[in-house]
PDB file of N, CA and C in Angstrom:
ATOM      1  N   MET A   1      63.521 121.838 123.349  1.00  0.00           N
ATOM      2  CA  MET A   1      64.676 122.660 123.694  1.00  0.00           C
ATOM      3  C   MET A   1      65.614 121.829 124.567  1.00  0.00           C
ATOM      4  N   ASN A   2      66.872 121.952 124.309  1.00  0.00           N
ATOM      5  CA  ASN A   2      67.841 121.275 125.160  1.00  0.00           C
ATOM      6  C   ASN A   2      68.352 122.256 126.226  1.00  0.00           C
ATOM      7  N   TYR A   3      69.225 121.776 127.080  1.00  0.00           N
ATOM      8  CA  TYR A   3      69.742 122.567 128.184  1.00  0.00           C
ATOM      9  C   TYR A   3      70.345 123.893 127.705  1.00  0.00           C
ATOM     10  N   GLU A   4      71.192 123.809 126.692  1.00  0.00           N
ATOM     11  CA  GLU A   4      71.871 125.023 126.213  1.00  0.00           C
ATOM     12  C   GLU A   4      70.877 126.008 125.592  1.00  0.00           C
ATOM     13  N   GLU A   5      69.879 125.509 124.885  1.00  0.00           N
ATOM     14  CA  GLU A   5      68.860 126.391 124.303  1.00  0.00           C
ATOM     15  C   GLU A   5      68.050 127.087 125.401  1.00  0.00           C
ATOM     16  N   LEU A   6      67.729 126.360 126.467  1.00  0.00           N
ATOM     17  CA  LEU A   6      67.024 126.970 127.598  1.00  0.00           C
ATOM     18  C   LEU A   6      67.873 128.084 128.211  1.00  0.00           C
ATOM     19  N   ARG A   7      69.129 127.781 128.435  1.00  0.00           N
ATOM     20  CA  ARG A   7      70.059 128.754 129.016  1.00  0.00           C
ATOM     21  C   ARG A   7      70.178 129.991 128.129  1.00  0.00           C
ATOM     22  N   GLU A   8      70.375 129.777 126.848  1.00  0.00           N
ATOM     23  CA  GLU A   8      70.531 130.907 125.926  1.00  0.00           C
ATOM     24  C   GLU A   8      69.279 131.761 125.863  1.00  0.00           C
ATOM     25  N   TYR A   9      68.104 131.122 125.875  1.00  0.00           N
ATOM     26  CA  TYR A   9      66.874 131.905 125.828  1.00  0.00           C
ATOM     27  C   TYR A   9      66.750 132.763 127.090  1.00  0.00           C
ATOM     28  N   CYS A  10      67.012 132.171 128.245  1.00  0.00           N
ATOM     29  CA  CYS A  10      66.942 132.933 129.492  1.00  0.00           C
ATOM     30  C   CYS A  10      67.903 134.118 129.472  1.00  0.00           C
ATOM     31  N   LEU A  11      69.110 133.885 128.994  1.00  0.00           N
ATOM     32  CA  LEU A  11      70.109 134.956 128.957  1.00  0.00           C
ATOM     33  C   LEU A  11      69.813 136.011 127.900  1.00  0.00           C
ATOM     34  N   SER A  12      68.914 135.711 126.965  1.00  0.00           N
ATOM     35  CA  SER A  12      68.546 136.697 125.949  1.00  0.00           C
ATOM     36  C   SER A  12      67.566 137.742 126.497  1.00  0.00           C
ATOM     37  N   LEU A  13      66.990 137.482 127.657  1.00  0.00           N
ATOM     38  CA  LEU A  13      66.044 138.422 128.256  1.00  0.00           C
ATOM     39  C   LEU A  13      66.808 139.593 128.873  1.00  0.00           C
ATOM     40  N   LYS A  14      66.287 140.764 128.711  1.00  0.00           N
ATOM     41  CA  LYS A  14      66.953 141.998 129.114  1.00  0.00           C
ATOM     42  C   LYS A  14      67.384 141.974 130.577  1.00  0.00           C
ATOM     43  N   GLY A  15      68.669 142.202 130.798  1.00  0.00           N
ATOM     44  CA  GLY A  15      69.212 142.311 132.144  1.00  0.00           C
ATOM     45  C   GLY A  15      69.451 140.989 132.853  1.00  0.00           C
ATOM     46  N   SER A  16      69.270 139.873 132.155  1.00  0.00           N
ATOM     47  CA  SER A  16      69.431 138.584 132.840  1.00  0.00           C
ATOM     48  C   SER A  16      70.905 138.213 132.961  1.00  0.00           C
ATOM     49  N   THR A  17      71.200 137.532 134.058  1.00  0.00           N
ATOM     50  CA  THR A  17      72.552 137.056 134.336  1.00  0.00           C
ATOM     51  C   THR A  17      72.447 135.632 134.873  1.00  0.00           C
ATOM     52  N   GLU A  18      73.591 134.954 134.946  1.00  0.00           N
ATOM     53  CA  GLU A  18      73.601 133.600 135.481  1.00  0.00           C
ATOM     54  C   GLU A  18      74.661 133.487 136.566  1.00  0.00           C
ATOM     55  N   SER A  19      74.432 132.555 137.479  1.00  0.00           N
ATOM     56  CA  SER A  19      75.407 132.289 138.531  1.00  0.00           C
ATOM     57  C   SER A  19      75.158 130.887 139.065  1.00  0.00           C
ATOM     58  N   PHE A  20      76.152 130.379 139.765  1.00  0.00           N
ATOM     59  CA  PHE A  20      76.004 129.092 140.433  1.00  0.00           C
ATOM     60  C   PHE A  20      75.626 129.364 141.878  1.00  0.00           C
ATOM     61  N   PRO A  21      74.660 128.609 142.419  1.00  0.00           N
ATOM     62  CA  PRO A  21      74.350 128.771 143.839  1.00  0.00           C
ATOM     63  C   PRO A  21      75.461 128.142 144.673  1.00  0.00           C
ATOM     64  N   PHE A  22      75.326 128.240 145.975  1.00  0.00           N
ATOM     65  CA  PHE A  22      76.374 127.727 146.865  1.00  0.00           C
ATOM     66  C   PHE A  22      76.618 126.238 146.695  1.00  0.00           C
ATOM     67  N   ASP A  23      75.584 125.486 146.284  1.00  0.00           N
ATOM     68  CA  ASP A  23      75.756 124.031 146.180  1.00  0.00           C
ATOM     69  C   ASP A  23      76.287 123.578 144.820  1.00  0.00           C
ATOM     70  N   GLU A  24      76.306 124.461 143.848  1.00  0.00           N
ATOM     71  CA  GLU A  24      76.804 124.201 142.499  1.00  0.00           C
ATOM     72  C   GLU A  24      76.080 123.050 141.791  1.00  0.00           C
ATOM     73  N   PHE A  25      74.820 122.786 142.187  1.00  0.00           N
ATOM     74  CA  PHE A  25      74.033 121.754 141.523  1.00  0.00           C
ATOM     75  C   PHE A  25      73.040 122.339 140.532  1.00  0.00           C
ATOM     76  N   GLY A  26      73.046 123.632 140.378  1.00  0.00           N
ATOM     77  CA  GLY A  26      72.116 124.254 139.450  1.00  0.00           C
ATOM     78  C   GLY A  26      72.662 125.564 138.944  1.00  0.00           C
ATOM     79  N   LEU A  27      72.126 125.991 137.841  1.00  0.00           N
ATOM     80  CA  LEU A  27      72.484 127.278 137.256  1.00  0.00           C
ATOM     81  C   LEU A  27      71.330 128.232 137.540  1.00  0.00           C
ATOM     82  N   VAL A  28      71.591 129.288 138.285  1.00  0.00           N
ATOM     83  CA  VAL A  28      70.573 130.262 138.666  1.00  0.00           C
ATOM     84  C   VAL A  28      70.559 131.378 137.632  1.00  0.00           C
ATOM     85  N   LEU A  29      69.364 131.698 137.141  1.00  0.00           N
ATOM     86  CA  LEU A  29      69.198 132.801 136.194  1.00  0.00           C
ATOM     87  C   LEU A  29      68.430 133.902 136.890  1.00  0.00           C
ATOM     88  N   LYS A  30      68.993 135.120 136.849  1.00  0.00           N
ATOM     89  CA  LYS A  30      68.450 136.236 137.606  1.00  0.00           C
ATOM     90  C   LYS A  30      68.233 137.451 136.709  1.00  0.00           C
ATOM     91  N   VAL A  31      67.341 138.311 137.171  1.00  0.00           N
ATOM     92  CA  VAL A  31      67.193 139.631 136.588  1.00  0.00           C
ATOM     93  C   VAL A  31      67.279 140.611 137.760  1.00  0.00           C
ATOM     94  N   GLN A  32      68.205 141.564 137.657  1.00  0.00           N
ATOM     95  CA  GLN A  32      68.456 142.533 138.721  1.00  0.00           C
ATOM     96  C   GLN A  32      68.658 141.836 140.073  1.00  0.00           C
ATOM     97  N   GLY A  33      69.352 140.695 140.057  1.00  0.00           N
ATOM     98  CA  GLY A  33      69.688 139.989 141.283  1.00  0.00           C
ATOM     99  C   GLY A  33      68.593 139.092 141.838  1.00  0.00           C
ATOM    100  N   LYS A  34      67.436 139.026 141.188  1.00  0.00           N
ATOM    101  CA  LYS A  34      66.322 138.199 141.656  1.00  0.00           C
ATOM    102  C   LYS A  34      66.148 137.002 140.722  1.00  0.00           C
ATOM    103  N   MET A  35      66.061 135.811 141.301  1.00  0.00           N
ATOM    104  CA  MET A  35      65.989 134.591 140.504  1.00  0.00           C
ATOM    105  C   MET A  35      64.649 134.443 139.796  1.00  0.00           C
ATOM    106  N   PHE A  36      64.704 134.121 138.491  1.00  0.00           N
ATOM    107  CA  PHE A  36      63.488 133.805 137.748  1.00  0.00           C
ATOM    108  C   PHE A  36      63.522 132.388 137.181  1.00  0.00           C
ATOM    109  N   ALA A  37      64.679 131.721 137.224  1.00  0.00           N
ATOM    110  CA  ALA A  37      64.764 130.354 136.711  1.00  0.00           C
ATOM    111  C   ALA A  37      65.947 129.629 137.338  1.00  0.00           C
ATOM    112  N   LEU A  38      65.806 128.304 137.395  1.00  0.00           N
ATOM    113  CA  LEU A  38      66.890 127.453 137.880  1.00  0.00           C
ATOM    114  C   LEU A  38      66.979 126.246 136.962  1.00  0.00           C
ATOM    115  N   LEU A  39      68.162 126.036 136.416  1.00  0.00           N
ATOM    116  CA  LEU A  39      68.427 124.859 135.587  1.00  0.00           C
ATOM    117  C   LEU A  39      69.243 123.884 136.430  1.00  0.00           C
ATOM    118  N   PRO A  40      68.629 122.796 136.904  1.00  0.00           N
ATOM    119  CA  PRO A  40      69.392 121.834 137.714  1.00  0.00           C
ATOM    120  C   PRO A  40      70.469 121.147 136.882  1.00  0.00           C
ATOM    121  N   LEU A  41      71.665 121.064 137.433  1.00  0.00           N
ATOM    122  CA  LEU A  41      72.772 120.415 136.738  1.00  0.00           C
ATOM    123  C   LEU A  41      72.893 118.949 137.106  1.00  0.00           C
ATOM    124  N   ASP A  42      72.254 118.541 138.200  1.00  0.00           N
ATOM    125  CA  ASP A  42      72.389 117.169 138.685  1.00  0.00           C
ATOM    126  C   ASP A  42      71.238 116.265 138.252  1.00  0.00           C
ATOM    127  N   ASN A  43      70.345 116.768 137.407  1.00  0.00           N
ATOM    128  CA  ASN A  43      69.187 115.985 136.982  1.00  0.00           C
ATOM    129  C   ASN A  43      69.424 115.425 135.593  1.00  0.00           C
ATOM    130  N   PRO A  44      69.228 114.133 135.403  1.00  0.00           N
ATOM    131  CA  PRO A  44      69.464 113.552 134.079  1.00  0.00           C
ATOM    132  C   PRO A  44      68.473 114.044 133.019  1.00  0.00           C
ATOM    133  N   GLU A  45      67.291 114.472 133.445  1.00  0.00           N
ATOM    134  CA  GLU A  45      66.327 115.025 132.502  1.00  0.00           C
ATOM    135  C   GLU A  45      66.578 116.521 132.388  1.00  0.00           C
ATOM    136  N   THR A  46      66.408 117.053 131.203  1.00  0.00           N
ATOM    137  CA  THR A  46      66.502 118.497 131.064  1.00  0.00           C
ATOM    138  C   THR A  46      65.203 119.080 131.584  1.00  0.00           C
ATOM    139  N   GLN A  47      65.315 119.920 132.583  1.00  0.00           N
ATOM    140  CA  GLN A  47      64.150 120.589 133.129  1.00  0.00           C
ATOM    141  C   GLN A  47      64.562 121.944 133.642  1.00  0.00           C
ATOM    142  N   ILE A  48      63.572 122.780 133.923  1.00  0.00           N
ATOM    143  CA  ILE A  48      63.833 124.114 134.412  1.00  0.00           C
ATOM    144  C   ILE A  48      62.779 124.439 135.461  1.00  0.00           C
ATOM    145  N   ALA A  49      63.183 125.078 136.548  1.00  0.00           N
ATOM    146  CA  ALA A  49      62.251 125.535 137.573  1.00  0.00           C
ATOM    147  C   ALA A  49      61.939 126.997 137.284  1.00  0.00           C
ATOM    148  N   LEU A  50      60.645 127.315 137.247  1.00  0.00           N
ATOM    149  CA  LEU A  50      60.198 128.657 136.887  1.00  0.00           C
ATOM    150  C   LEU A  50      59.156 129.168 137.861  1.00  0.00           C
ATOM    151  N   LYS A  51      59.177 130.454 138.102  1.00  0.00           N
ATOM    152  CA  LYS A  51      58.168 131.096 138.935  1.00  0.00           C
ATOM    153  C   LYS A  51      56.869 131.189 138.129  1.00  0.00           C
ATOM    154  N   CYS A  52      55.741 131.093 138.833  1.00  0.00           N
ATOM    155  CA  CYS A  52      54.456 131.138 138.148  1.00  0.00           C
ATOM    156  C   CYS A  52      53.411 131.645 139.130  1.00  0.00           C
ATOM    157  N   ASP A  53      52.427 132.419 138.646  1.00  0.00           N
ATOM    158  CA  ASP A  53      51.377 132.814 139.573  1.00  0.00           C
ATOM    159  C   ASP A  53      50.567 131.571 139.935  1.00  0.00           C
ATOM    160  N   PRO A  54      50.056 131.499 141.164  1.00  0.00           N
ATOM    161  CA  PRO A  54      49.447 130.257 141.656  1.00  0.00           C
ATOM    162  C   PRO A  54      48.313 129.698 140.789  1.00  0.00           C
ATOM    163  N   GLU A  55      47.421 130.539 140.298  1.00  0.00           N
ATOM    164  CA  GLU A  55      46.308 130.046 139.494  1.00  0.00           C
ATOM    165  C   GLU A  55      46.791 129.436 138.181  1.00  0.00           C
ATOM    166  N   LYS A  56      47.730 130.109 137.551  1.00  0.00           N
ATOM    167  CA  LYS A  56      48.277 129.590 136.299  1.00  0.00           C
ATOM    168  C   LYS A  56      49.035 128.286 136.546  1.00  0.00           C
ATOM    169  N   ALA A  57      49.745 128.219 137.673  1.00  0.00           N
ATOM    170  CA  ALA A  57      50.495 127.008 138.004  1.00  0.00           C
ATOM    171  C   ALA A  57      49.562 125.808 138.107  1.00  0.00           C
ATOM    172  N   ILE A  58      48.440 125.982 138.788  1.00  0.00           N
ATOM    173  CA  ILE A  58      47.477 124.890 138.945  1.00  0.00           C
ATOM    174  C   ILE A  58      46.932 124.461 137.592  1.00  0.00           C
ATOM    175  N   ALA A  59      46.551 125.420 136.759  1.00  0.00           N
ATOM    176  CA  ALA A  59      46.004 125.102 135.438  1.00  0.00           C
ATOM    177  C   ALA A  59      47.025 124.370 134.572  1.00  0.00           C
ATOM    178  N   LEU A  60      48.275 124.816 134.601  1.00  0.00           N
ATOM    179  CA  LEU A  60      49.326 124.170 133.806  1.00  0.00           C
ATOM    180  C   LEU A  60      49.570 122.739 134.270  1.00  0.00           C
ATOM    181  N   ARG A  61      49.583 122.537 135.586  1.00  0.00           N
ATOM    182  CA  ARG A  61      49.826 121.195 136.131  1.00  0.00           C
ATOM    183  C   ARG A  61      48.697 120.238 135.767  1.00  0.00           C
ATOM    184  N   GLU A  62      47.466 120.755 135.690  1.00  0.00           N
ATOM    185  CA  GLU A  62      46.332 119.917 135.308  1.00  0.00           C
ATOM    186  C   GLU A  62      46.389 119.551 133.826  1.00  0.00           C
ATOM    187  N   GLU A  63      46.924 120.448 133.004  1.00  0.00           N
ATOM    188  CA  GLU A  63      46.949 120.221 131.559  1.00  0.00           C
ATOM    189  C   GLU A  63      48.159 119.422 131.079  1.00  0.00           C
ATOM    190  N   PHE A  64      49.312 119.612 131.703  1.00  0.00           N
ATOM    191  CA  PHE A  64      50.550 119.000 131.215  1.00  0.00           C
ATOM    192  C   PHE A  64      51.208 118.144 132.299  1.00  0.00           C
ATOM    193  N   SER A  65      51.444 116.891 131.979  1.00  0.00           N
ATOM    194  CA  SER A  65      52.106 116.011 132.951  1.00  0.00           C
ATOM    195  C   SER A  65      53.593 116.357 133.113  1.00  0.00           C
ATOM    196  N   ALA A  66      54.159 117.095 132.175  1.00  0.00           N
ATOM    197  CA  ALA A  66      55.570 117.488 132.242  1.00  0.00           C
ATOM    198  C   ALA A  66      55.789 118.678 133.174  1.00  0.00           C
ATOM    199  N   ILE A  67      54.714 119.215 133.754  1.00  0.00           N
ATOM    200  CA  ILE A  67      54.820 120.351 134.672  1.00  0.00           C
ATOM    201  C   ILE A  67      54.384 119.879 136.057  1.00  0.00           C
ATOM    202  N   THR A  68      55.278 120.028 137.018  1.00  0.00           N
ATOM    203  CA  THR A  68      55.014 119.582 138.387  1.00  0.00           C
ATOM    204  C   THR A  68      55.465 120.662 139.366  1.00  0.00           C
ATOM    205  N   PRO A  69      55.039 120.572 140.639  1.00  0.00           N
ATOM    206  CA  PRO A  69      55.550 121.536 141.618  1.00  0.00           C
ATOM    207  C   PRO A  69      57.069 121.406 141.733  1.00  0.00           C
ATOM    208  N   ALA A  70      57.737 122.515 141.851  1.00  0.00           N
ATOM    209  CA  ALA A  70      59.193 122.491 142.031  1.00  0.00           C
ATOM    210  C   ALA A  70      59.473 122.106 143.474  1.00  0.00           C
ATOM    211  N   TYR A  71      60.230 121.045 143.668  1.00  0.00           N
ATOM    212  CA  TYR A  71      60.445 120.513 145.013  1.00  0.00           C
ATOM    213  C   TYR A  71      61.250 121.437 145.904  1.00  0.00           C
ATOM    214  N   HIS A  72      62.038 122.327 145.312  1.00  0.00           N
ATOM    215  CA  HIS A  72      62.954 123.139 146.101  1.00  0.00           C
ATOM    216  C   HIS A  72      62.462 124.562 146.340  1.00  0.00           C
ATOM    217  N   PHE A  73      61.231 124.860 145.908  1.00  0.00           N
ATOM    218  CA  PHE A  73      60.691 126.200 146.086  1.00  0.00           C
ATOM    219  C   PHE A  73      59.268 126.121 146.608  1.00  0.00           C
ATOM    220  N   ASN A  74      58.683 127.253 146.895  1.00  0.00           N
ATOM    221  CA  ASN A  74      57.285 127.327 147.290  1.00  0.00           C
ATOM    222  C   ASN A  74      56.453 126.671 146.195  1.00  0.00           C
ATOM    223  N   LYS A  75      55.790 125.593 146.513  1.00  0.00           N
ATOM    224  CA  LYS A  75      55.081 124.791 145.506  1.00  0.00           C
ATOM    225  C   LYS A  75      53.936 125.548 144.835  1.00  0.00           C
ATOM    226  N   LYS A  76      53.448 126.599 145.472  1.00  0.00           N
ATOM    227  CA  LYS A  76      52.369 127.383 144.853  1.00  0.00           C
ATOM    228  C   LYS A  76      52.905 128.324 143.772  1.00  0.00           C
ATOM    229  N   HIS A  77      54.167 128.670 143.886  1.00  0.00           N
ATOM    230  CA  HIS A  77      54.709 129.708 143.014  1.00  0.00           C
ATOM    231  C   HIS A  77      55.782 129.244 142.039  1.00  0.00           C
ATOM    232  N   TRP A  78      56.207 128.001 142.119  1.00  0.00           N
ATOM    233  CA  TRP A  78      57.260 127.514 141.239  1.00  0.00           C
ATOM    234  C   TRP A  78      56.857 126.195 140.609  1.00  0.00           C
ATOM    235  N   ASN A  79      57.154 126.036 139.331  1.00  0.00           N
ATOM    236  CA  ASN A  79      56.924 124.790 138.601  1.00  0.00           C
ATOM    237  C   ASN A  79      58.249 124.232 138.117  1.00  0.00           C
ATOM    238  N   SER A  80      58.377 122.917 138.118  1.00  0.00           N
ATOM    239  CA  SER A  80      59.451 122.259 137.378  1.00  0.00           C
ATOM    240  C   SER A  80      58.856 121.876 136.035  1.00  0.00           C
ATOM    241  N   VAL A  81      59.476 122.329 134.978  1.00  0.00           N
ATOM    242  CA  VAL A  81      58.982 122.045 133.635  1.00  0.00           C
ATOM    243  C   VAL A  81      60.006 121.156 132.951  1.00  0.00           C
ATOM    244  N   ARG A  82      59.613 119.929 132.707  1.00  0.00           N
ATOM    245  CA  ARG A  82      60.483 118.960 132.049  1.00  0.00           C
ATOM    246  C   ARG A  82      60.387 119.147 130.547  1.00  0.00           C
ATOM    247  N   VAL A  83      61.533 119.139 129.870  1.00  0.00           N
ATOM    248  CA  VAL A  83      61.527 119.206 128.413  1.00  0.00           C
ATOM    249  C   VAL A  83      60.954 117.886 127.923  1.00  0.00           C
ATOM    250  N   ASP A  84      59.872 117.988 127.216  1.00  0.00           N
ATOM    251  CA  ASP A  84      59.080 116.822 126.858  1.00  0.00           C
ATOM    252  C   ASP A  84      58.354 117.157 125.562  1.00  0.00           C
ATOM    253  N   PRO A  85      58.053 116.158 124.715  1.00  0.00           N
ATOM    254  CA  PRO A  85      57.340 116.462 123.472  1.00  0.00           C
ATOM    255  C   PRO A  85      56.017 117.204 123.684  1.00  0.00           C
ATOM    256  N   GLU A  86      55.369 117.012 124.854  1.00  0.00           N
ATOM    257  CA  GLU A  86      54.102 117.705 125.086  1.00  0.00           C
ATOM    258  C   GLU A  86      54.305 119.195 125.360  1.00  0.00           C
ATOM    259  N   ILE A  87      55.520 119.603 125.703  1.00  0.00           N
ATOM    260  CA  ILE A  87      55.824 121.014 125.945  1.00  0.00           C
ATOM    261  C   ILE A  87      56.599 121.540 124.735  1.00  0.00           C
ATOM    262  N   SER A  88      55.939 122.308 123.910  1.00  0.00           N
ATOM    263  CA  SER A  88      56.587 122.844 122.713  1.00  0.00           C
ATOM    264  C   SER A  88      57.614 123.901 123.097  1.00  0.00           C
ATOM    265  N   SER A  89      58.518 124.179 122.188  1.00  0.00           N
ATOM    266  CA  SER A  89      59.505 125.238 122.425  1.00  0.00           C
ATOM    267  C   SER A  89      58.806 126.571 122.643  1.00  0.00           C
ATOM    268  N   LYS A  90      57.720 126.797 121.902  1.00  0.00           N
ATOM    269  CA  LYS A  90      56.976 128.051 122.037  1.00  0.00           C
ATOM    270  C   LYS A  90      56.404 128.178 123.450  1.00  0.00           C
ATOM    271  N   LEU A  91      55.784 127.102 123.952  1.00  0.00           N
ATOM    272  CA  LEU A  91      55.226 127.141 125.304  1.00  0.00           C
ATOM    273  C   LEU A  91      56.336 127.299 126.334  1.00  0.00           C
ATOM    274  N   MET A  92      57.446 126.620 126.143  1.00  0.00           N
ATOM    275  CA  MET A  92      58.567 126.742 127.080  1.00  0.00           C
ATOM    276  C   MET A  92      59.030 128.199 127.143  1.00  0.00           C
ATOM    277  N   CYS A  93      59.169 128.840 126.006  1.00  0.00           N
ATOM    278  CA  CYS A  93      59.590 130.248 125.982  1.00  0.00           C
ATOM    279  C   CYS A  93      58.548 131.135 126.669  1.00  0.00           C
ATOM    280  N   GLU A  94      57.267 130.843 126.467  1.00  0.00           N
ATOM    281  CA  GLU A  94      56.212 131.615 127.126  1.00  0.00           C
ATOM    282  C   GLU A  94      56.284 131.465 128.642  1.00  0.00           C
ATOM    283  N   LEU A  95      56.566 130.251 129.118  1.00  0.00           N
ATOM    284  CA  LEU A  95      56.662 130.017 130.558  1.00  0.00           C
ATOM    285  C   LEU A  95      57.870 130.737 131.154  1.00  0.00           C
ATOM    286  N   ILE A  96      58.990 130.711 130.447  1.00  0.00           N
ATOM    287  CA  ILE A  96      60.184 131.430 130.898  1.00  0.00           C
ATOM    288  C   ILE A  96      59.899 132.931 130.937  1.00  0.00           C
ATOM    289  N   GLN A  97      59.266 133.444 129.894  1.00  0.00           N
ATOM    290  CA  GLN A  97      58.923 134.871 129.823  1.00  0.00           C
ATOM    291  C   GLN A  97      57.982 135.248 130.973  1.00  0.00           C
ATOM    292  N   HIS A  98      57.003 134.397 131.262  1.00  0.00           N
ATOM    293  CA  HIS A  98      56.059 134.649 132.362  1.00  0.00           C
ATOM    294  C   HIS A  98      56.814 134.758 133.696  1.00  0.00           C
ATOM    295  N   SER A  99      57.720 133.835 133.946  1.00  0.00           N
ATOM    296  CA  SER A  99      58.506 133.851 135.173  1.00  0.00           C
ATOM    297  C   SER A  99      59.335 135.134 135.263  1.00  0.00           C
ATOM    298  N   TYR A 100      59.987 135.473 134.176  1.00  0.00           N
ATOM    299  CA  TYR A 100      60.807 136.686 134.104  1.00  0.00           C
ATOM    300  C   TYR A 100      59.950 137.925 134.403  1.00  0.00           C
ATOM    301  N   GLU A 101      58.786 138.016 133.780  1.00  0.00           N
ATOM    302  CA  GLU A 101      57.918 139.186 133.956  1.00  0.00           C
ATOM    303  C   GLU A 101      57.377 139.286 135.384  1.00  0.00           C
ATOM    304  N   LEU A 102      57.080 138.134 136.015  1.00  0.00           N
ATOM    305  CA  LEU A 102      56.636 138.163 137.412  1.00  0.00           C
ATOM    306  C   LEU A 102      57.718 138.741 138.312  1.00  0.00           C
ATOM    307  N   VAL A 103      58.950 138.338 138.068  1.00  0.00           N
ATOM    308  CA  VAL A 103      60.055 138.833 138.893  1.00  0.00           C
ATOM    309  C   VAL A 103      60.271 140.318 138.631  1.00  0.00           C
ATOM    310  N   VAL A 104      60.255 140.734 137.377  1.00  0.00           N
ATOM    311  CA  VAL A 104      60.430 142.152 137.042  1.00  0.00           C
ATOM    312  C   VAL A 104      59.323 142.986 137.680  1.00  0.00           C
ATOM    313  N   ALA A 105      58.092 142.487 137.645  1.00  0.00           N
ATOM    314  CA  ALA A 105      56.964 143.232 138.228  1.00  0.00           C
ATOM    315  C   ALA A 105      57.146 143.450 139.729  1.00  0.00           C
ATOM    316  N   GLY A 106      57.837 142.541 140.395  1.00  0.00           N
ATOM    317  CA  GLY A 106      58.058 142.652 141.833  1.00  0.00           C
ATOM    318  C   GLY A 106      59.294 143.430 142.235  1.00  0.00           C
ATOM    319  N   LEU A 107      60.050 143.908 141.257  1.00  0.00           N
ATOM    320  CA  LEU A 107      61.268 144.665 141.563  1.00  0.00           C
ATOM    321  C   LEU A 107      60.934 146.046 142.111  1.00  0.00           C
ATOM    322  N   PRO A 108      61.776 146.570 142.980  1.00  0.00           N
ATOM    323  CA  PRO A 108      61.604 147.954 143.419  1.00  0.00           C
ATOM    324  C   PRO A 108      61.699 148.903 142.217  1.00  0.00           C
ATOM    325  N   LYS A 109      61.061 150.050 142.339  1.00  0.00           N
ATOM    326  CA  LYS A 109      60.994 151.022 141.240  1.00  0.00           C
ATOM    327  C   LYS A 109      62.378 151.357 140.682  1.00  0.00           C
ATOM    328  N   LYS A 110      63.347 151.566 141.559  1.00  0.00           N
ATOM    329  CA  LYS A 110      64.690 151.941 141.113  1.00  0.00           C
ATOM    330  C   LYS A 110      65.298 150.856 140.215  1.00  0.00           C
ATOM    331  N   LEU A 111      65.142 149.571 140.603  1.00  0.00           N
ATOM    332  CA  LEU A 111      65.697 148.480 139.797  1.00  0.00           C
ATOM    333  C   LEU A 111      64.960 148.338 138.466  1.00  0.00           C
ATOM    334  N   LYS A 112      63.660 148.595 138.466  1.00  0.00           N
ATOM    335  CA  LYS A 112      62.900 148.561 137.208  1.00  0.00           C
ATOM    336  C   LYS A 112      63.397 149.649 136.263  1.00  0.00           C
ATOM    337  N   GLU A 113      63.643 150.832 136.814  1.00  0.00           N
ATOM    338  CA  GLU A 113      64.146 151.943 135.997  1.00  0.00           C
ATOM    339  C   GLU A 113      65.515 151.611 135.424  1.00  0.00           C
ATOM    340  N   GLU A 114      66.393 151.028 136.235  1.00  0.00           N
ATOM    341  CA  GLU A 114      67.712 150.625 135.744  1.00  0.00           C
ATOM    342  C   GLU A 114      67.582 149.614 134.612  1.00  0.00           C
ATOM    343  N   LEU A 115      66.649 148.693 134.763  1.00  0.00           N
ATOM    344  CA  LEU A 115      66.421 147.671 133.735  1.00  0.00           C
ATOM    345  C   LEU A 115      65.930 148.325 132.446  1.00  0.00           C
ATOM    346  N   GLN A 116      65.015 149.278 132.562  1.00  0.00           N
ATOM    347  CA  GLN A 116      64.507 149.960 131.376  1.00  0.00           C
ATOM    348  C   GLN A 116      65.602 150.741 130.675  1.00  0.00           C
ATOM    349  N   ASP A 117      66.575 151.241 131.428  1.00  0.00           N
ATOM    350  CA  ASP A 117      67.667 152.050 130.848  1.00  0.00           C
ATOM    351  C   ASP A 117      68.724 151.197 130.154  1.00  0.00           C
ATOM    352  N   MET A 118      68.705 149.887 130.400  1.00  0.00           N
ATOM    353  CA  MET A 118      69.690 149.011 129.762  1.00  0.00           C
ATOM    354  C   MET A 118      69.426 148.913 128.266  1.00  0.00           C
ATOM    355  N   LYS A 119      70.503 148.763 127.503  1.00  0.00           N
ATOM    356  CA  LYS A 119      70.370 148.567 126.062  1.00  0.00           C
ATOM    357  C   LYS A 119      69.864 147.182 125.785  1.00  0.00           C
ATOM    358  N   GLU A 120      69.149 147.053 124.697  1.00  0.00           N
ATOM    359  CA  GLU A 120      68.633 145.735 124.267  1.00  0.00           C
ATOM    360  C   GLU A 120      69.780 144.824 123.934  1.00  0.00           C
TER     361      GLU A 120
END
């Protein structure tokens, strides 16, 4: 997946939006105002930072060299996933979906209800 494909997939998830952070070095992808992904704009490699539960993060890092702790977030909960032949498009989409679902699960009840009421 290239940068634009990553962006489009993230934006295809229900209720997702994009914005630039204050430093304008990355594209922040959010659901109901909570970040689930960051696409760095200043990195020559295409990569994406994603939220991950700690146990899964450790297992992924042991299995794939293209997955490392995200330097700009809590290292237990965020991975930097480099687009690499060892990371298939299917796995990349699964990792993005996992990050999205973790953030949705942590939303207050009212925001979850608003998300459910949104059209596909």
